[in-house]
Amino acid sequence: MDLKHYVFDLDGTLIDTEAAVLKTWQHTLKEYGYEYSLNEVKVVLGVTTDIGLQRLNAHADENYTYKWQTNYESYSQEADFFEGTKEMLKLLKDRGCSLGIVSSRSQKEYERFFKSFHLDELFTTVILEEDTKEHKPDPEPLFKYMELTGADKDICIYIGDMPTDIQCANNAGVISGLVTWNGSGISCDEAKMTFNDPKEICDLAMCSDGTFNRDKL
């Protein structure tokens, strides 16, 4: 079948936000009396705030998210597209592919910190934290994407940078793709495909017969 729906994680996959996110977590946790190194707070990457706090065994009040978003303002300018990702997205769109985002970011964060990237010009469907009850690695966010678009799982691929992204895709029966172009060194044997460069996704979309054989995975 044709692979028509390319769905992406946001942070660490399309946009390099790792330094900004980690510095914000470190900064905000310090306000609550916690001292964590940047390496220690890496466990929060790719998950919601509540799960991140649980992983760090940190306790915070209901103001934590507001404080985090306020502090992120100071670091958000460090974020930018990974080299080649914007061009890859434009090529996919030009070839008639449907582009989607499934992210653990909240709607407020998405509107506040990603508006400058003009993502709405490229993506037709965006699934964020508030859109589902369960979150990655649960498959519900991808099920929500397929519900809204009417896409069959056999024509979808979900591409991310974390094991939770791969597990979400596999749990949903969607082809899973792991990116390594962010230099994180993270690997995941469960990933059906690995992409070392955005050009490899372009190659996938431009394969000679225009189709993708799932049986080869």
N, C-alpha and C. Protein backbone atom coordinates (compact mmCIF):
# COMPACT_ATOMS: atom_id res chain seq x y z
N MET A 1 0.84 -1.20 0.00
CA MET A 1 0.00 0.00 0.00
C MET A 1 0.87 1.25 0.00
N ASP A 2 0.32 2.35 -0.48
CA ASP A 2 1.02 3.62 -0.44
C ASP A 2 1.17 4.09 1.01
N LEU A 3 2.35 4.61 1.32
CA LEU A 3 2.59 5.22 2.61
C LEU A 3 2.26 6.70 2.46
N LYS A 4 1.11 7.11 2.98
CA LYS A 4 0.59 8.45 2.70
C LYS A 4 0.67 9.40 3.89
N HIS A 5 0.65 8.85 5.10
CA HIS A 5 0.61 9.70 6.29
C HIS A 5 1.93 9.63 7.04
N TYR A 6 2.60 10.76 7.10
CA TYR A 6 3.86 10.87 7.83
C TYR A 6 3.59 11.70 9.09
N VAL A 7 3.65 11.03 10.23
CA VAL A 7 3.33 11.67 11.51
C VAL A 7 4.61 11.77 12.32
N PHE A 8 4.83 12.93 12.92
CA PHE A 8 6.10 13.19 13.60
C PHE A 8 5.89 13.61 15.05
N ASP A 9 6.84 13.21 15.89
CA ASP A 9 7.03 13.84 17.17
C ASP A 9 7.63 15.21 16.89
N LEU A 10 7.66 16.08 17.89
CA LEU A 10 8.11 17.46 17.66
C LEU A 10 9.50 17.70 18.25
N ASP A 11 9.58 17.73 19.57
CA ASP A 11 10.85 18.00 20.25
C ASP A 11 11.85 16.87 20.01
N GLY A 12 13.05 17.25 19.60
CA GLY A 12 14.10 16.27 19.42
C GLY A 12 14.01 15.47 18.13
N THR A 13 12.93 15.69 17.39
CA THR A 13 12.73 14.99 16.12
C THR A 13 12.80 15.97 14.95
N LEU A 14 11.93 16.96 14.98
CA LEU A 14 11.94 17.99 13.94
C LEU A 14 12.68 19.24 14.41
N ILE A 15 12.49 19.57 15.68
CA ILE A 15 13.05 20.80 16.22
C ILE A 15 13.97 20.49 17.40
N ASP A 16 15.13 21.09 17.38
CA ASP A 16 16.13 20.85 18.42
C ASP A 16 15.82 21.72 19.63
N THR A 17 15.12 21.14 20.58
CA THR A 17 14.72 21.87 21.80
C THR A 17 15.38 21.29 23.05
N GLU A 18 16.22 20.28 22.89
CA GLU A 18 16.70 19.55 24.07
C GLU A 18 17.38 20.46 25.09
N ALA A 19 18.31 21.28 24.65
CA ALA A 19 19.03 22.14 25.60
C ALA A 19 18.07 23.09 26.31
N ALA A 20 17.14 23.67 25.55
CA ALA A 20 16.18 24.61 26.14
C ALA A 20 15.27 23.91 27.15
N VAL A 21 14.80 22.73 26.80
CA VAL A 21 13.90 21.98 27.69
C VAL A 21 14.62 21.57 28.98
N LEU A 22 15.82 21.02 28.84
CA LEU A 22 16.55 20.55 30.02
C LEU A 22 16.93 21.70 30.94
N LYS A 23 17.37 22.81 30.38
CA LYS A 23 17.72 23.97 31.20
C LYS A 23 16.49 24.51 31.93
N THR A 24 15.33 24.46 31.27
CA THR A 24 14.10 24.93 31.90
C THR A 24 13.70 24.03 33.05
N TRP A 25 13.79 22.72 32.83
CA TRP A 25 13.49 21.79 33.92
C TRP A 25 14.43 22.02 35.10
N GLN A 26 15.71 22.13 34.83
CA GLN A 26 16.69 22.33 35.89
C GLN A 26 16.39 23.61 36.66
N HIS A 27 16.11 24.68 35.93
CA HIS A 27 15.80 25.98 36.51
C HIS A 27 14.55 25.92 37.39
N THR A 28 13.49 25.33 36.85
CA THR A 28 12.21 25.30 37.56
C THR A 28 12.27 24.39 38.78
N LEU A 29 12.92 23.25 38.66
CA LEU A 29 13.05 22.35 39.80
C LEU A 29 13.84 23.00 40.93
N LYS A 30 14.80 23.84 40.57
CA LYS A 30 15.59 24.53 41.59
C LYS A 30 14.70 25.43 42.44
N GLU A 31 13.65 25.99 41.82
CA GLU A 31 12.72 26.83 42.55
C GLU A 31 11.95 26.03 43.61
N TYR A 32 11.90 24.72 43.41
CA TYR A 32 11.22 23.84 44.37
C TYR A 32 12.22 23.12 45.29
N GLY A 33 13.46 23.57 45.26
CA GLY A 33 14.45 23.03 46.17
C GLY A 33 15.18 21.79 45.68
N TYR A 34 15.04 21.47 44.38
CA TYR A 34 15.70 20.28 43.83
C TYR A 34 16.92 20.69 43.01
N GLU A 35 18.02 19.98 43.23
CA GLU A 35 19.24 20.21 42.47
C GLU A 35 19.51 19.00 41.57
N TYR A 36 19.29 19.16 40.26
CA TYR A 36 19.52 18.09 39.30
C TYR A 36 20.51 18.57 38.24
N SER A 37 21.38 17.68 37.81
CA SER A 37 22.24 18.00 36.68
C SER A 37 21.43 17.91 35.39
N LEU A 38 21.94 18.50 34.31
CA LEU A 38 21.25 18.42 33.03
C LEU A 38 21.13 16.97 32.57
N ASN A 39 22.12 16.17 32.86
CA ASN A 39 22.08 14.76 32.48
C ASN A 39 20.99 14.01 33.25
N GLU A 40 20.81 14.35 34.52
CA GLU A 40 19.80 13.68 35.34
C GLU A 40 18.39 13.98 34.87
N VAL A 41 18.16 15.19 34.36
CA VAL A 41 16.80 15.55 33.97
C VAL A 41 16.44 15.05 32.56
N LYS A 42 17.36 14.37 31.90
CA LYS A 42 17.06 13.85 30.57
C LYS A 42 15.91 12.84 30.58
N VAL A 43 15.59 12.28 31.75
CA VAL A 43 14.50 11.30 31.83
C VAL A 43 13.14 11.94 31.53
N VAL A 44 13.07 13.27 31.49
CA VAL A 44 11.79 13.94 31.23
C VAL A 44 11.51 14.08 29.74
N LEU A 45 12.50 13.83 28.91
CA LEU A 45 12.33 14.06 27.47
C LEU A 45 11.29 13.12 26.88
N GLY A 46 10.38 13.69 26.11
CA GLY A 46 9.40 12.89 25.39
C GLY A 46 8.16 12.51 26.17
N VAL A 47 8.02 13.01 27.41
CA VAL A 47 6.85 12.65 28.21
C VAL A 47 6.17 13.92 28.72
N THR A 48 4.98 13.76 29.29
CA THR A 48 4.26 14.89 29.85
C THR A 48 4.92 15.36 31.14
N THR A 49 4.53 16.53 31.59
CA THR A 49 5.10 17.09 32.82
C THR A 49 4.86 16.18 34.02
N ASP A 50 3.66 15.65 34.15
CA ASP A 50 3.34 14.79 35.30
C ASP A 50 4.25 13.56 35.32
N ILE A 51 4.44 12.95 34.17
CA ILE A 51 5.29 11.76 34.10
C ILE A 51 6.75 12.14 34.38
N GLY A 52 7.17 13.29 33.86
CA GLY A 52 8.53 13.75 34.11
C GLY A 52 8.81 13.94 35.59
N LEU A 53 7.87 14.55 36.31
CA LEU A 53 8.03 14.74 37.75
C LEU A 53 8.08 13.40 38.47
N GLN A 54 7.26 12.46 38.03
CA GLN A 54 7.27 11.13 38.64
C GLN A 54 8.62 10.46 38.44
N ARG A 55 9.18 10.56 37.24
CA ARG A 55 10.46 9.91 36.95
C ARG A 55 11.58 10.50 37.80
N LEU A 56 11.46 11.77 38.13
CA LEU A 56 12.48 12.44 38.94
C LEU A 56 12.20 12.32 40.43
N ASN A 57 11.03 11.74 40.76
CA ASN A 57 10.60 11.65 42.16
C ASN A 57 10.59 13.04 42.79
N ALA A 58 10.10 14.00 42.01
CA ALA A 58 10.02 15.38 42.47
C ALA A 58 8.57 15.76 42.72
N HIS A 59 8.34 16.53 43.74
CA HIS A 59 6.98 16.94 44.10
C HIS A 59 6.83 18.43 43.89
N ALA A 60 5.77 18.81 43.20
CA ALA A 60 5.53 20.22 42.91
C ALA A 60 4.04 20.52 43.04
N ASP A 61 3.72 21.80 43.20
CA ASP A 61 2.32 22.20 43.32
C ASP A 61 1.70 22.45 41.95
N GLU A 62 0.47 22.94 41.97
CA GLU A 62 -0.27 23.14 40.72
C GLU A 62 0.30 24.27 39.88
N ASN A 63 1.23 25.04 40.43
CA ASN A 63 1.81 26.15 39.69
C ASN A 63 3.04 25.74 38.88
N TYR A 64 3.43 24.48 38.97
CA TYR A 64 4.67 24.06 38.31
C TYR A 64 4.64 24.31 36.81
N THR A 65 3.55 23.90 36.16
CA THR A 65 3.47 24.06 34.70
C THR A 65 3.56 25.52 34.30
N TYR A 66 2.88 26.39 35.04
CA TYR A 66 2.95 27.83 34.74
C TYR A 66 4.37 28.34 34.90
N LYS A 67 5.03 27.93 35.99
CA LYS A 67 6.41 28.38 36.20
C LYS A 67 7.33 27.83 35.11
N TRP A 68 7.11 26.58 34.71
CA TRP A 68 7.94 25.98 33.67
C TRP A 68 7.80 26.76 32.37
N GLN A 69 6.57 27.06 31.99
CA GLN A 69 6.34 27.77 30.74
C GLN A 69 6.93 29.18 30.79
N THR A 70 6.85 29.82 31.94
CA THR A 70 7.43 31.15 32.11
C THR A 70 8.95 31.09 31.98
N ASN A 71 9.56 30.10 32.60
CA ASN A 71 11.01 29.95 32.54
C ASN A 71 11.49 29.56 31.14
N TYR A 72 10.67 28.76 30.44
CA TYR A 72 11.06 28.32 29.10
C TYR A 72 11.22 29.49 28.14
N GLU A 73 10.49 30.56 28.42
CA GLU A 73 10.57 31.76 27.59
C GLU A 73 12.02 32.24 27.48
N SER A 74 12.79 32.06 28.56
CA SER A 74 14.17 32.53 28.59
C SER A 74 15.09 31.69 27.72
N TYR A 75 14.69 30.43 27.49
CA TYR A 75 15.56 29.50 26.76
C TYR A 75 15.04 29.14 25.37
N SER A 76 13.81 29.48 25.07
CA SER A 76 13.15 29.00 23.85
C SER A 76 13.84 29.48 22.58
N GLN A 77 14.56 30.58 22.63
CA GLN A 77 15.22 31.09 21.43
C GLN A 77 16.37 30.19 20.98
N GLU A 78 16.77 29.25 21.85
CA GLU A 78 17.83 28.31 21.48
C GLU A 78 17.32 27.22 20.54
N ALA A 79 15.99 27.09 20.41
CA ALA A 79 15.41 26.03 19.59
C ALA A 79 15.41 26.40 18.11
N ASP A 80 15.59 25.38 17.26
CA ASP A 80 15.54 25.61 15.81
C ASP A 80 15.32 24.27 15.11
N PHE A 81 14.91 24.30 13.85
CA PHE A 81 14.78 23.08 13.06
C PHE A 81 16.13 22.37 12.99
N PHE A 82 16.11 21.04 13.09
CA PHE A 82 17.31 20.29 12.77
C PHE A 82 17.62 20.49 11.29
N GLU A 83 18.89 20.46 10.94
CA GLU A 83 19.30 20.67 9.56
C GLU A 83 18.61 19.67 8.62
N GLY A 84 17.94 20.19 7.63
CA GLY A 84 17.30 19.35 6.61
C GLY A 84 15.88 18.95 6.90
N THR A 85 15.40 19.15 8.13
CA THR A 85 14.04 18.68 8.45
C THR A 85 12.96 19.53 7.79
N LYS A 86 13.16 20.83 7.72
CA LYS A 86 12.16 21.69 7.10
C LYS A 86 12.04 21.39 5.61
N GLU A 87 13.18 21.19 4.96
CA GLU A 87 13.18 20.87 3.54
C GLU A 87 12.52 19.51 3.29
N MET A 88 12.76 18.57 4.20
CA MET A 88 12.14 17.25 4.09
C MET A 88 10.63 17.34 4.19
N LEU A 89 10.14 18.14 5.12
CA LEU A 89 8.70 18.30 5.28
C LEU A 89 8.06 18.93 4.04
N LYS A 90 8.74 19.91 3.47
CA LYS A 90 8.21 20.56 2.27
C LYS A 90 8.15 19.58 1.10
N LEU A 91 9.15 18.72 0.98
CA LEU A 91 9.14 17.73 -0.09
C LEU A 91 7.97 16.75 0.10
N LEU A 92 7.77 16.29 1.32
CA LEU A 92 6.67 15.37 1.58
C LEU A 92 5.33 16.00 1.22
N LYS A 93 5.17 17.25 1.62
CA LYS A 93 3.92 17.94 1.31
C LYS A 93 3.73 18.12 -0.19
N ASP A 94 4.81 18.47 -0.89
CA ASP A 94 4.74 18.66 -2.34
C ASP A 94 4.37 17.36 -3.05
N ARG A 95 4.71 16.23 -2.46
CA ARG A 95 4.38 14.94 -3.06
C ARG A 95 2.98 14.45 -2.66
N GLY A 96 2.25 15.29 -1.96
CA GLY A 96 0.87 14.97 -1.63
C GLY A 96 0.69 14.14 -0.38
N CYS A 97 1.73 14.02 0.41
CA CYS A 97 1.62 13.26 1.66
C CYS A 97 0.90 14.10 2.71
N SER A 98 0.18 13.44 3.61
CA SER A 98 -0.46 14.11 4.73
C SER A 98 0.52 14.14 5.90
N LEU A 99 0.71 15.32 6.48
CA LEU A 99 1.66 15.48 7.57
C LEU A 99 0.94 15.73 8.88
N GLY A 100 1.39 15.05 9.93
CA GLY A 100 0.78 15.20 11.24
C GLY A 100 1.82 15.30 12.34
N ILE A 101 1.39 15.82 13.47
CA ILE A 101 2.22 15.90 14.67
C ILE A 101 1.49 15.19 15.80
N VAL A 102 2.21 14.35 16.52
CA VAL A 102 1.73 13.78 17.78
C VAL A 102 2.79 14.11 18.82
N SER A 103 2.46 15.00 19.74
CA SER A 103 3.43 15.50 20.71
C SER A 103 2.82 15.51 22.11
N SER A 104 3.70 15.43 23.11
CA SER A 104 3.27 15.53 24.51
C SER A 104 3.18 16.98 24.97
N ARG A 105 3.50 17.91 24.10
CA ARG A 105 3.37 19.33 24.43
C ARG A 105 1.90 19.70 24.64
N SER A 106 1.67 20.69 25.51
CA SER A 106 0.32 21.19 25.71
C SER A 106 -0.05 22.17 24.60
N GLN A 107 -1.33 22.43 24.45
CA GLN A 107 -1.80 23.38 23.44
C GLN A 107 -1.19 24.76 23.68
N LYS A 108 -1.13 25.16 24.94
CA LYS A 108 -0.59 26.48 25.27
C LYS A 108 0.88 26.57 24.89
N GLU A 109 1.65 25.52 25.17
CA GLU A 109 3.07 25.52 24.81
C GLU A 109 3.24 25.54 23.30
N TYR A 110 2.42 24.76 22.61
CA TYR A 110 2.51 24.70 21.15
C TYR A 110 2.27 26.07 20.54
N GLU A 111 1.23 26.75 20.99
CA GLU A 111 0.90 28.05 20.44
C GLU A 111 1.91 29.12 20.84
N ARG A 112 2.44 28.99 22.04
CA ARG A 112 3.32 30.02 22.58
C ARG A 112 4.76 29.92 22.07
N PHE A 113 5.24 28.68 21.93
CA PHE A 113 6.66 28.50 21.65
C PHE A 113 6.98 27.98 20.24
N PHE A 114 5.97 27.55 19.50
CA PHE A 114 6.24 26.99 18.18
C PHE A 114 5.60 27.78 17.05
N LYS A 115 4.94 28.86 17.39
CA LYS A 115 4.28 29.68 16.37
C LYS A 115 5.26 30.20 15.35
N SER A 116 6.47 30.54 15.78
CA SER A 116 7.47 31.13 14.88
C SER A 116 7.96 30.15 13.82
N PHE A 117 7.69 28.85 14.02
CA PHE A 117 8.13 27.84 13.05
C PHE A 117 7.11 27.64 11.92
N HIS A 118 5.94 28.28 12.04
CA HIS A 118 4.89 28.23 11.00
C HIS A 118 4.53 26.78 10.65
N LEU A 119 4.37 25.96 11.67
CA LEU A 119 4.08 24.55 11.45
C LEU A 119 2.71 24.33 10.81
N ASP A 120 1.78 25.23 11.07
CA ASP A 120 0.44 25.07 10.51
C ASP A 120 0.43 25.16 8.99
N GLU A 121 1.49 25.70 8.39
CA GLU A 121 1.59 25.76 6.94
C GLU A 121 1.97 24.40 6.35
N LEU A 122 2.47 23.51 7.20
CA LEU A 122 2.93 22.20 6.74
C LEU A 122 2.05 21.06 7.22
N PHE A 123 1.54 21.18 8.44
CA PHE A 123 0.82 20.06 9.06
C PHE A 123 -0.69 20.30 9.06
N THR A 124 -1.41 19.25 8.72
CA THR A 124 -2.87 19.36 8.68
C THR A 124 -3.52 18.90 9.98
N THR A 125 -2.86 18.02 10.73
CA THR A 125 -3.44 17.48 11.95
C THR A 125 -2.39 17.45 13.06
N VAL A 126 -2.75 18.03 14.21
CA VAL A 126 -1.83 18.12 15.34
C VAL A 126 -2.51 17.57 16.58
N ILE A 127 -1.91 16.56 17.19
CA ILE A 127 -2.43 15.95 18.41
C ILE A 127 -1.50 16.32 19.56
N LEU A 128 -2.07 16.99 20.59
CA LEU A 128 -1.30 17.46 21.72
C LEU A 128 -1.81 16.85 23.02
N GLU A 129 -1.20 17.23 24.12
CA GLU A 129 -1.48 16.60 25.42
C GLU A 129 -2.96 16.56 25.76
N GLU A 130 -3.67 17.67 25.53
CA GLU A 130 -5.07 17.74 25.93
C GLU A 130 -6.01 16.92 25.05
N ASP A 131 -5.52 16.45 23.92
CA ASP A 131 -6.40 15.78 22.96
C ASP A 131 -6.70 14.34 23.32
N THR A 132 -5.95 13.77 24.25
CA THR A 132 -6.19 12.37 24.65
C THR A 132 -6.06 12.23 26.16
N LYS A 133 -6.69 11.20 26.68
CA LYS A 133 -6.59 10.92 28.12
C LYS A 133 -5.27 10.23 28.43
N GLU A 134 -4.88 9.28 27.57
CA GLU A 134 -3.62 8.57 27.74
C GLU A 134 -2.57 9.16 26.79
N HIS A 135 -1.31 8.98 27.15
CA HIS A 135 -0.23 9.56 26.37
C HIS A 135 0.84 8.53 26.06
N LYS A 136 1.75 8.89 25.16
CA LYS A 136 2.82 7.96 24.77
C LYS A 136 3.52 7.42 26.01
N PRO A 137 3.79 6.11 26.03
CA PRO A 137 3.79 5.14 24.93
C PRO A 137 2.44 4.48 24.62
N ASP A 138 1.38 4.90 25.32
CA ASP A 138 0.05 4.38 24.98
C ASP A 138 -0.28 4.78 23.54
N PRO A 139 -1.00 3.94 22.81
CA PRO A 139 -1.29 4.24 21.40
C PRO A 139 -2.40 5.26 21.18
N GLU A 140 -3.07 5.71 22.24
CA GLU A 140 -4.23 6.57 22.06
C GLU A 140 -3.96 7.82 21.21
N PRO A 141 -2.82 8.51 21.37
CA PRO A 141 -2.60 9.69 20.51
C PRO A 141 -2.59 9.37 19.02
N LEU A 142 -2.02 8.24 18.64
CA LEU A 142 -2.03 7.86 17.23
C LEU A 142 -3.41 7.38 16.79
N PHE A 143 -4.12 6.70 17.68
CA PHE A 143 -5.51 6.33 17.36
C PHE A 143 -6.33 7.59 17.11
N LYS A 144 -6.08 8.64 17.90
CA LYS A 144 -6.80 9.90 17.72
C LYS A 144 -6.47 10.52 16.37
N TYR A 145 -5.20 10.47 15.99
CA TYR A 145 -4.80 10.98 14.67
C TYR A 145 -5.54 10.25 13.56
N MET A 146 -5.57 8.91 13.65
CA MET A 146 -6.24 8.14 12.60
C MET A 146 -7.74 8.36 12.59
N GLU A 147 -8.30 8.58 13.77
CA GLU A 147 -9.74 8.88 13.85
C GLU A 147 -10.06 10.19 13.14
N LEU A 148 -9.24 11.21 13.37
CA LEU A 148 -9.51 12.53 12.80
C LEU A 148 -9.25 12.57 11.30
N THR A 149 -8.29 11.80 10.83
CA THR A 149 -7.92 11.85 9.41
C THR A 149 -8.58 10.75 8.59
N GLY A 150 -9.11 9.73 9.26
CA GLY A 150 -9.67 8.60 8.54
C GLY A 150 -8.62 7.71 7.92
N ALA A 151 -7.38 7.84 8.38
CA ALA A 151 -6.27 7.07 7.81
C ALA A 151 -6.23 5.66 8.37
N ASP A 152 -5.93 4.70 7.51
CA ASP A 152 -5.71 3.32 7.94
C ASP A 152 -4.29 3.20 8.46
N LYS A 153 -4.09 2.38 9.47
CA LYS A 153 -2.76 2.25 10.08
C LYS A 153 -1.70 1.77 9.07
N ASP A 154 -2.13 1.04 8.05
CA ASP A 154 -1.18 0.49 7.08
C ASP A 154 -0.56 1.55 6.18
N ILE A 155 -1.11 2.76 6.15
CA ILE A 155 -0.55 3.81 5.30
C ILE A 155 0.08 4.93 6.15
N CYS A 156 0.33 4.62 7.43
CA CYS A 156 0.90 5.61 8.34
C CYS A 156 2.27 5.19 8.85
N ILE A 157 3.12 6.17 9.07
CA ILE A 157 4.38 5.97 9.77
C ILE A 157 4.49 7.06 10.83
N TYR A 158 4.93 6.66 12.03
CA TYR A 158 5.15 7.64 13.10
C TYR A 158 6.64 7.69 13.40
N ILE A 159 7.19 8.89 13.35
CA ILE A 159 8.63 9.08 13.44
C ILE A 159 8.96 9.93 14.66
N GLY A 160 9.82 9.40 15.53
CA GLY A 160 10.21 10.12 16.73
C GLY A 160 11.62 9.82 17.15
N ASP A 161 12.02 10.37 18.29
CA ASP A 161 13.41 10.23 18.73
C ASP A 161 13.55 9.46 20.04
N MET A 162 12.44 9.03 20.63
CA MET A 162 12.49 8.39 21.93
C MET A 162 11.85 7.00 21.88
N PRO A 163 12.26 6.10 22.77
CA PRO A 163 11.62 4.78 22.84
C PRO A 163 10.11 4.87 23.04
N THR A 164 9.64 5.90 23.76
CA THR A 164 8.20 6.06 23.96
C THR A 164 7.48 6.31 22.63
N ASP A 165 8.14 7.00 21.70
CA ASP A 165 7.55 7.23 20.37
C ASP A 165 7.42 5.90 19.62
N ILE A 166 8.48 5.10 19.69
CA ILE A 166 8.49 3.81 18.99
C ILE A 166 7.44 2.88 19.58
N GLN A 167 7.34 2.86 20.89
CA GLN A 167 6.35 2.00 21.55
C GLN A 167 4.94 2.45 21.21
N CYS A 168 4.72 3.75 21.15
CA CYS A 168 3.40 4.28 20.78
C CYS A 168 3.01 3.80 19.39
N ALA A 169 3.94 3.91 18.44
CA ALA A 169 3.66 3.49 17.07
C ALA A 169 3.41 1.99 17.00
N ASN A 170 4.27 1.21 17.61
CA ASN A 170 4.11 -0.25 17.58
C ASN A 170 2.82 -0.68 18.24
N ASN A 171 2.46 -0.04 19.35
CA ASN A 171 1.22 -0.37 20.05
C ASN A 171 -0.02 -0.03 19.22
N ALA A 172 0.13 0.95 18.34
CA ALA A 172 -0.99 1.35 17.47
C ALA A 172 -1.01 0.57 16.16
N GLY A 173 0.00 -0.26 15.92
CA GLY A 173 0.06 -1.01 14.67
C GLY A 173 0.53 -0.17 13.51
N VAL A 174 1.20 0.95 13.81
CA VAL A 174 1.71 1.88 12.80
C VAL A 174 3.21 1.64 12.64
N ILE A 175 3.74 1.81 11.44
CA ILE A 175 5.17 1.68 11.23
C ILE A 175 5.90 2.70 12.10
N SER A 176 6.92 2.24 12.81
CA SER A 176 7.67 3.11 13.70
C SER A 176 9.02 3.47 13.11
N GLY A 177 9.39 4.75 13.22
CA GLY A 177 10.67 5.21 12.72
C GLY A 177 11.42 6.00 13.78
N LEU A 178 12.67 5.65 14.02
CA LEU A 178 13.51 6.34 15.00
C LEU A 178 14.50 7.23 14.28
N VAL A 179 14.59 8.50 14.70
CA VAL A 179 15.58 9.40 14.13
C VAL A 179 16.82 9.41 15.02
N THR A 180 17.99 9.47 14.37
CA THR A 180 19.25 9.56 15.11
C THR A 180 20.02 10.83 14.77
N TRP A 181 19.42 11.67 13.91
CA TRP A 181 20.14 12.86 13.47
C TRP A 181 20.28 13.91 14.59
N ASN A 182 19.63 13.70 15.73
CA ASN A 182 19.74 14.66 16.83
C ASN A 182 20.99 14.45 17.68
N GLY A 183 21.73 13.38 17.41
CA GLY A 183 22.96 13.14 18.15
C GLY A 183 22.78 12.70 19.58
N SER A 184 21.58 12.25 19.94
CA SER A 184 21.32 11.85 21.32
C SER A 184 21.98 10.53 21.69
N GLY A 185 22.24 9.71 20.67
CA GLY A 185 22.82 8.39 20.94
C GLY A 185 21.80 7.37 21.40
N ILE A 186 20.53 7.74 21.43
CA ILE A 186 19.47 6.82 21.84
C ILE A 186 19.21 5.81 20.74
N SER A 187 19.07 4.55 21.11
CA SER A 187 18.74 3.50 20.16
C SER A 187 17.51 2.75 20.67
N CYS A 188 16.84 2.06 19.78
CA CYS A 188 15.66 1.31 20.15
C CYS A 188 15.49 0.16 19.17
N ASP A 189 15.74 -1.05 19.64
CA ASP A 189 15.66 -2.22 18.77
C ASP A 189 14.25 -2.48 18.27
N GLU A 190 13.26 -1.90 18.95
CA GLU A 190 11.87 -2.12 18.57
C GLU A 190 11.46 -1.30 17.34
N ALA A 191 12.29 -0.33 16.97
CA ALA A 191 11.95 0.53 15.83
C ALA A 191 11.99 -0.28 14.53
N LYS A 192 10.98 -0.11 13.70
CA LYS A 192 10.93 -0.81 12.42
C LYS A 192 11.88 -0.18 11.41
N MET A 193 12.12 1.12 11.54
CA MET A 193 13.02 1.81 10.64
C MET A 193 13.85 2.80 11.45
N THR A 194 15.05 3.11 10.96
CA THR A 194 15.90 4.11 11.57
C THR A 194 16.34 5.11 10.51
N PHE A 195 16.29 6.38 10.85
CA PHE A 195 16.65 7.44 9.91
C PHE A 195 17.81 8.25 10.49
N ASN A 196 18.93 8.21 9.79
CA ASN A 196 20.11 8.94 10.23
C ASN A 196 20.17 10.36 9.66
N ASP A 197 19.36 10.61 8.66
CA ASP A 197 19.36 11.91 7.97
C ASP A 197 17.96 12.14 7.40
N PRO A 198 17.45 13.37 7.46
CA PRO A 198 16.13 13.65 6.89
C PRO A 198 16.01 13.23 5.43
N LYS A 199 17.12 13.22 4.70
CA LYS A 199 17.07 12.83 3.30
C LYS A 199 16.59 11.38 3.13
N GLU A 200 16.81 10.56 4.14
CA GLU A 200 16.38 9.16 4.05
C GLU A 200 14.86 9.05 4.07
N ILE A 201 14.20 9.99 4.73
CA ILE A 201 12.73 10.01 4.70
C ILE A 201 12.27 10.50 3.33
N CYS A 202 12.99 11.44 2.76
CA CYS A 202 12.68 11.87 1.38
C CYS A 202 12.81 10.70 0.42
N ASP A 203 13.86 9.90 0.60
CA ASP A 203 14.06 8.74 -0.27
C ASP A 203 12.92 7.76 -0.13
N LEU A 204 12.43 7.58 1.09
CA LEU A 204 11.31 6.67 1.33
C LEU A 204 10.08 7.14 0.58
N ALA A 205 9.84 8.45 0.61
CA ALA A 205 8.66 9.00 -0.07
C ALA A 205 8.80 8.97 -1.58
N MET A 206 10.04 8.93 -2.05
CA MET A 206 10.28 9.00 -3.49
C MET A 206 10.69 7.65 -4.10
N CYS A 207 10.44 6.55 -3.35
CA CYS A 207 10.82 5.24 -3.87
C CYS A 207 10.14 5.03 -5.23
N SER A 208 10.79 4.32 -6.09
CA SER A 208 10.45 4.27 -7.52
C SER A 208 9.00 3.93 -7.82
N ASP A 209 8.42 2.97 -7.07
CA ASP A 209 7.04 2.58 -7.41
C ASP A 209 6.01 3.28 -6.54
N GLY A 210 6.51 4.18 -5.62
CA GLY A 210 5.58 4.96 -4.82
C GLY A 210 4.91 4.17 -3.73
N THR A 211 5.34 2.95 -3.48
CA THR A 211 4.70 2.14 -2.44
C THR A 211 5.71 1.67 -1.43
N PHE A 212 5.19 1.17 -0.31
CA PHE A 212 6.04 0.69 0.76
C PHE A 212 5.58 -0.71 1.15
N ASN A 213 6.50 -1.64 1.17
CA ASN A 213 6.18 -3.02 1.47
C ASN A 213 6.42 -3.31 2.95
N ARG A 214 5.35 -3.37 3.73
CA ARG A 214 5.47 -3.64 5.17
C ARG A 214 6.04 -5.03 5.43
N ASP A 215 5.85 -5.95 4.52
CA ASP A 215 6.31 -7.32 4.74
C ASP A 215 7.83 -7.42 4.82
N LYS A 216 8.52 -6.39 4.32
CA LYS A 216 9.98 -6.41 4.35
C LYS A 216 10.55 -6.02 5.69
N LEU A 217 9.68 -5.49 6.58
CA LEU A 217 10.16 -5.07 7.90
C LEU A 217 10.37 -6.26 8.80
